[in-house]
Amino acid sequence: MIHQPNALFLRYYMKLNAMYMRFESFRNKQINSEIIQQINDGLLVMKHFFELNQKLLPIYFELNLIKIKSADDWQDIYKINSVFDSYNFDVNASRVLLNSEILDFIQHAYFTIQNEANSLSEKKEALDIFMNEYDKLKKNWVSVNAN
């Protein structure tokens, strides 16, 4: 059973949007150490947001495979749906800051898994695309942290 994902997602979502808006305001300004620190903080928020999705989307996928769902299954699906239904972030944030379309992949995976008309292979492919991009970014973070 999933416990309180809404609060955590909402917190990351709000930080992600605020960080992206700050970054956009910095575009035409001279970059100083304060701006670099704010961008680094924003990237850390994005990293945690992606890690949360890396855990939640496979759970959502598995829940949607269950033919006869229990009350707990339906409750978990409802919680995950309410989290994703509240998404309203600019997917350009990951393009601009990470040169990645990971936010697009998160959204696409969620909607593909949610849509009962999509085949199992379509759902799996959408999830795999997100997971592969997440793995690629994670390797980059490990490499950057090692330097």
C-alpha atoms as a PDB file:
ATOM      1  CA  MET A   1       0.000   0.000   0.000  1.00  0.00           C
ATOM      2  CA  ILE A   2       1.286   3.465  -0.886  1.00  0.00           C
ATOM      3  CA  HIS A   3       1.447   6.001   1.907  1.00  0.00           C
ATOM      4  CA  GLN A   4       1.025   9.728   1.254  1.00  0.00           C
ATOM      5  CA  PRO A   5       2.628  10.194  -2.167  1.00  0.00           C
ATOM      6  CA  ASN A   6       0.552  13.310  -2.808  1.00  0.00           C
ATOM      7  CA  ALA A   7       2.357  15.519  -0.306  1.00  0.00           C
ATOM      8  CA  LEU A   8       5.799  14.496  -1.531  1.00  0.00           C
ATOM      9  CA  PHE A   9       4.893  14.851  -5.212  1.00  0.00           C
ATOM     10  CA  LEU A  10       3.254  18.200  -4.593  1.00  0.00           C
ATOM     11  CA  ARG A  11       6.328  19.461  -2.750  1.00  0.00           C
ATOM     12  CA  TYR A  12       8.659  18.370  -5.570  1.00  0.00           C
ATOM     13  CA  TYR A  13       6.281  19.675  -8.214  1.00  0.00           C
ATOM     14  CA  MET A  14       6.102  23.115  -6.585  1.00  0.00           C
ATOM     15  CA  LYS A  15       9.879  23.278  -6.146  1.00  0.00           C
ATOM     16  CA  LEU A  16      10.407  22.148  -9.732  1.00  0.00           C
ATOM     17  CA  ASN A  17       8.148  24.855 -11.133  1.00  0.00           C
ATOM     18  CA  ALA A  18       9.657  27.545  -8.906  1.00  0.00           C
ATOM     19  CA  MET A  19      13.167  26.476  -9.873  1.00  0.00           C
ATOM     20  CA  TYR A  20      12.347  26.555 -13.578  1.00  0.00           C
ATOM     21  CA  MET A  21      10.811  30.018 -13.294  1.00  0.00           C
ATOM     22  CA  ARG A  22      13.921  31.264 -11.451  1.00  0.00           C
ATOM     23  CA  PHE A  23      16.145  29.760 -14.122  1.00  0.00           C
ATOM     24  CA  GLU A  24      14.151  31.443 -16.879  1.00  0.00           C
ATOM     25  CA  SER A  25      14.554  34.792 -15.102  1.00  0.00           C
ATOM     26  CA  PHE A  26      18.343  34.262 -15.013  1.00  0.00           C
ATOM     27  CA  ARG A  27      18.718  33.691 -18.738  1.00  0.00           C
ATOM     28  CA  ASN A  28      19.628  37.255 -19.644  1.00  0.00           C
ATOM     29  CA  LYS A  29      21.490  38.095 -16.448  1.00  0.00           C
ATOM     30  CA  GLN A  30      25.105  37.738 -15.543  1.00  0.00           C
ATOM     31  CA  ILE A  31      25.530  34.454 -13.684  1.00  0.00           C
ATOM     32  CA  ASN A  32      27.050  34.673 -10.219  1.00  0.00           C
ATOM     33  CA  SER A  33      27.601  32.182  -7.421  1.00  0.00           C
ATOM     34  CA  GLU A  34      24.122  32.773  -5.939  1.00  0.00           C
ATOM     35  CA  ILE A  35      22.438  31.959  -9.245  1.00  0.00           C
ATOM     36  CA  ILE A  36      24.628  28.868  -9.688  1.00  0.00           C
ATOM     37  CA  GLN A  37      23.653  27.711  -6.186  1.00  0.00           C
ATOM     38  CA  GLN A  38      19.955  28.182  -6.979  1.00  0.00           C
ATOM     39  CA  ILE A  39      20.330  26.196 -10.205  1.00  0.00           C
ATOM     40  CA  ASN A  40      22.188  23.432  -8.345  1.00  0.00           C
ATOM     41  CA  ASP A  41      19.427  23.347  -5.714  1.00  0.00           C
ATOM     42  CA  GLY A  42      16.853  23.099  -8.491  1.00  0.00           C
ATOM     43  CA  LEU A  43      18.715  20.247 -10.136  1.00  0.00           C
ATOM     44  CA  LEU A  44      18.759  18.396  -6.822  1.00  0.00           C
ATOM     45  CA  VAL A  45      14.986  18.836  -6.529  1.00  0.00           C
ATOM     46  CA  MET A  46      14.570  17.490 -10.068  1.00  0.00           C
ATOM     47  CA  LYS A  47      16.758  14.506  -9.239  1.00  0.00           C
ATOM     48  CA  HIS A  48      14.586  13.638  -6.231  1.00  0.00           C
ATOM     49  CA  PHE A  49      11.450  14.147  -8.310  1.00  0.00           C
ATOM     50  CA  PHE A  50      12.729  11.707 -10.940  1.00  0.00           C
ATOM     51  CA  GLU A  51      13.718   9.187  -8.263  1.00  0.00           C
ATOM     52  CA  LEU A  52      10.207   9.327  -6.862  1.00  0.00           C
ATOM     53  CA  ASN A  53       8.739   8.710 -10.325  1.00  0.00           C
ATOM     54  CA  GLN A  54      11.201   5.869 -10.855  1.00  0.00           C
ATOM     55  CA  LYS A  55       9.594   4.142  -7.885  1.00  0.00           C
ATOM     56  CA  LEU A  56       5.976   5.170  -8.434  1.00  0.00           C
ATOM     57  CA  LEU A  57       5.467   4.493 -12.163  1.00  0.00           C
ATOM     58  CA  PRO A  58       6.424   0.791 -11.987  1.00  0.00           C
ATOM     59  CA  ILE A  59       4.001   0.386  -9.070  1.00  0.00           C
ATOM     60  CA  TYR A  60       1.300   2.082 -11.131  1.00  0.00           C
ATOM     61  CA  PHE A  61       2.098  -0.224 -14.061  1.00  0.00           C
ATOM     62  CA  GLU A  62       1.824  -3.333 -11.857  1.00  0.00           C
ATOM     63  CA  LEU A  63      -1.409  -2.124 -10.265  1.00  0.00           C
ATOM     64  CA  ASN A  64      -2.954  -1.637 -13.692  1.00  0.00           C
ATOM     65  CA  LEU A  65      -2.059  -5.216 -14.666  1.00  0.00           C
ATOM     66  CA  ILE A  66      -4.126  -6.692 -11.836  1.00  0.00           C
ATOM     67  CA  LYS A  67      -7.377  -8.066 -13.262  1.00  0.00           C
ATOM     68  CA  ILE A  68      -9.345  -8.215 -10.008  1.00  0.00           C
ATOM     69  CA  LYS A  69      -8.219  -5.348  -7.808  1.00  0.00           C
ATOM     70  CA  SER A  70      -8.564  -5.221  -4.035  1.00  0.00           C
ATOM     71  CA  ALA A  71      -9.759  -2.152  -2.146  1.00  0.00           C
ATOM     72  CA  ASP A  72      -6.120  -1.335  -1.347  1.00  0.00           C
ATOM     73  CA  ASP A  73      -5.207  -1.601  -5.036  1.00  0.00           C
ATOM     74  CA  TRP A  74      -7.972   0.835  -5.972  1.00  0.00           C
ATOM     75  CA  GLN A  75      -6.912   3.181  -3.184  1.00  0.00           C
ATOM     76  CA  ASP A  76      -3.310   3.149  -4.430  1.00  0.00           C
ATOM     77  CA  ILE A  77      -4.448   3.760  -8.016  1.00  0.00           C
ATOM     78  CA  TYR A  78      -6.610   6.640  -6.832  1.00  0.00           C
ATOM     79  CA  LYS A  79      -3.685   8.195  -4.933  1.00  0.00           C
ATOM     80  CA  ILE A  80      -1.354   7.904  -7.906  1.00  0.00           C
ATOM     81  CA  ASN A  81      -4.006   9.302 -10.266  1.00  0.00           C
ATOM     82  CA  SER A  82      -4.602  12.270  -7.992  1.00  0.00           C
ATOM     83  CA  VAL A  83      -0.875  12.981  -7.923  1.00  0.00           C
ATOM     84  CA  PHE A  84      -0.484  12.865 -11.691  1.00  0.00           C
ATOM     85  CA  ASP A  85      -3.759  14.674 -12.336  1.00  0.00           C
ATOM     86  CA  SER A  86      -2.345  17.611 -10.370  1.00  0.00           C
ATOM     87  CA  TYR A  87       0.719  17.774 -12.665  1.00  0.00           C
ATOM     88  CA  ASN A  88       0.958  21.116 -14.365  1.00  0.00           C
ATOM     89  CA  PHE A  89       4.679  21.654 -14.834  1.00  0.00           C
ATOM     90  CA  ASP A  90       6.531  22.851 -17.869  1.00  0.00           C
ATOM     91  CA  VAL A  91       8.249  19.858 -19.467  1.00  0.00           C
ATOM     92  CA  ASN A  92      10.810  22.281 -20.908  1.00  0.00           C
ATOM     93  CA  ALA A  93      12.488  22.406 -17.493  1.00  0.00           C
ATOM     94  CA  SER A  94      14.260  19.100 -18.083  1.00  0.00           C
ATOM     95  CA  ARG A  95      15.118  20.053 -21.659  1.00  0.00           C
ATOM     96  CA  VAL A  96      16.666  23.346 -20.618  1.00  0.00           C
ATOM     97  CA  LEU A  97      18.439  22.214 -17.467  1.00  0.00           C
ATOM     98  CA  LEU A  98      19.381  18.614 -18.308  1.00  0.00           C
ATOM     99  CA  ASN A  99      19.140  18.382 -22.078  1.00  0.00           C
ATOM    100  CA  SER A 100      16.671  15.562 -21.477  1.00  0.00           C
ATOM    101  CA  GLU A 101      13.029  14.899 -22.230  1.00  0.00           C
ATOM    102  CA  ILE A 102      12.512  12.977 -19.008  1.00  0.00           C
ATOM    103  CA  LEU A 103       9.528  15.064 -17.891  1.00  0.00           C
ATOM    104  CA  ASP A 104       7.850  14.291 -21.229  1.00  0.00           C
ATOM    105  CA  PHE A 105       8.627  10.610 -20.706  1.00  0.00           C
ATOM    106  CA  ILE A 106       7.142  10.666 -17.192  1.00  0.00           C
ATOM    107  CA  GLN A 107       3.934  12.233 -18.449  1.00  0.00           C
ATOM    108  CA  HIS A 108       3.738   9.915 -21.461  1.00  0.00           C
ATOM    109  CA  ALA A 109       4.323   6.794 -19.347  1.00  0.00           C
ATOM    110  CA  TYR A 110       1.617   7.790 -16.885  1.00  0.00           C
ATOM    111  CA  PHE A 111      -1.009   8.515 -19.540  1.00  0.00           C
ATOM    112  CA  THR A 112      -0.127   5.405 -21.548  1.00  0.00           C
ATOM    113  CA  ILE A 113      -0.365   3.154 -18.486  1.00  0.00           C
ATOM    114  CA  GLN A 114      -3.604   4.809 -17.400  1.00  0.00           C
ATOM    115  CA  ASN A 115      -5.334   4.346 -20.768  1.00  0.00           C
ATOM    116  CA  GLU A 116      -7.035   0.953 -20.779  1.00  0.00           C
ATOM    117  CA  ALA A 117      -7.232   1.023 -24.599  1.00  0.00           C
ATOM    118  CA  ASN A 118      -3.432   0.761 -24.843  1.00  0.00           C
ATOM    119  CA  SER A 119      -1.883  -2.675 -25.147  1.00  0.00           C
ATOM    120  CA  LEU A 120       0.417  -4.163 -22.540  1.00  0.00           C
ATOM    121  CA  SER A 121       3.369  -3.762 -24.913  1.00  0.00           C
ATOM    122  CA  GLU A 122       2.604  -0.044 -25.418  1.00  0.00           C
ATOM    123  CA  LYS A 123       2.414   0.470 -21.668  1.00  0.00           C
ATOM    124  CA  LYS A 124       5.644  -1.454 -21.077  1.00  0.00           C
ATOM    125  CA  GLU A 125       7.425   0.459 -23.844  1.00  0.00           C
ATOM    126  CA  ALA A 126       6.391   3.849 -22.394  1.00  0.00           C
ATOM    127  CA  LEU A 127       7.582   2.792 -18.939  1.00  0.00           C
ATOM    128  CA  ASP A 128      10.846   1.434 -20.382  1.00  0.00           C
ATOM    129  CA  ILE A 129      11.545   4.692 -22.237  1.00  0.00           C
ATOM    130  CA  PHE A 130      11.226   6.621 -18.991  1.00  0.00           C
ATOM    131  CA  MET A 131      13.274   4.093 -17.022  1.00  0.00           C
ATOM    132  CA  ASN A 132      16.051   4.094 -19.656  1.00  0.00           C
ATOM    133  CA  GLU A 133      16.231   7.887 -19.621  1.00  0.00           C
ATOM    134  CA  TYR A 134      16.251   7.854 -15.821  1.00  0.00           C
ATOM    135  CA  ASP A 135      19.110   5.311 -15.844  1.00  0.00           C
ATOM    136  CA  LYS A 136      21.041   7.461 -18.321  1.00  0.00           C
ATOM    137  CA  LEU A 137      20.629  10.554 -16.142  1.00  0.00           C
ATOM    138  CA  LYS A 138      21.509   8.596 -13.017  1.00  0.00           C
ATOM    139  CA  LYS A 139      24.777   7.451 -14.628  1.00  0.00           C
ATOM    140  CA  ASN A 140      25.534  11.069 -15.509  1.00  0.00           C
ATOM    141  CA  TRP A 141      24.916  12.132 -11.899  1.00  0.00           C
ATOM    142  CA  VAL A 142      27.207   9.397 -10.600  1.00  0.00           C
ATOM    143  CA  SER A 143      29.884  10.481 -13.060  1.00  0.00           C
ATOM    144  CA  VAL A 144      29.536  14.151 -12.094  1.00  0.00           C
ATOM    145  CA  ASN A 145      29.640  13.325  -8.386  1.00  0.00           C
ATOM    146  CA  ALA A 146      32.784  11.255  -8.897  1.00  0.00           C
ATOM    147  CA  ASN A 147      34.622  14.277 -10.325  1.00  0.00           C
END
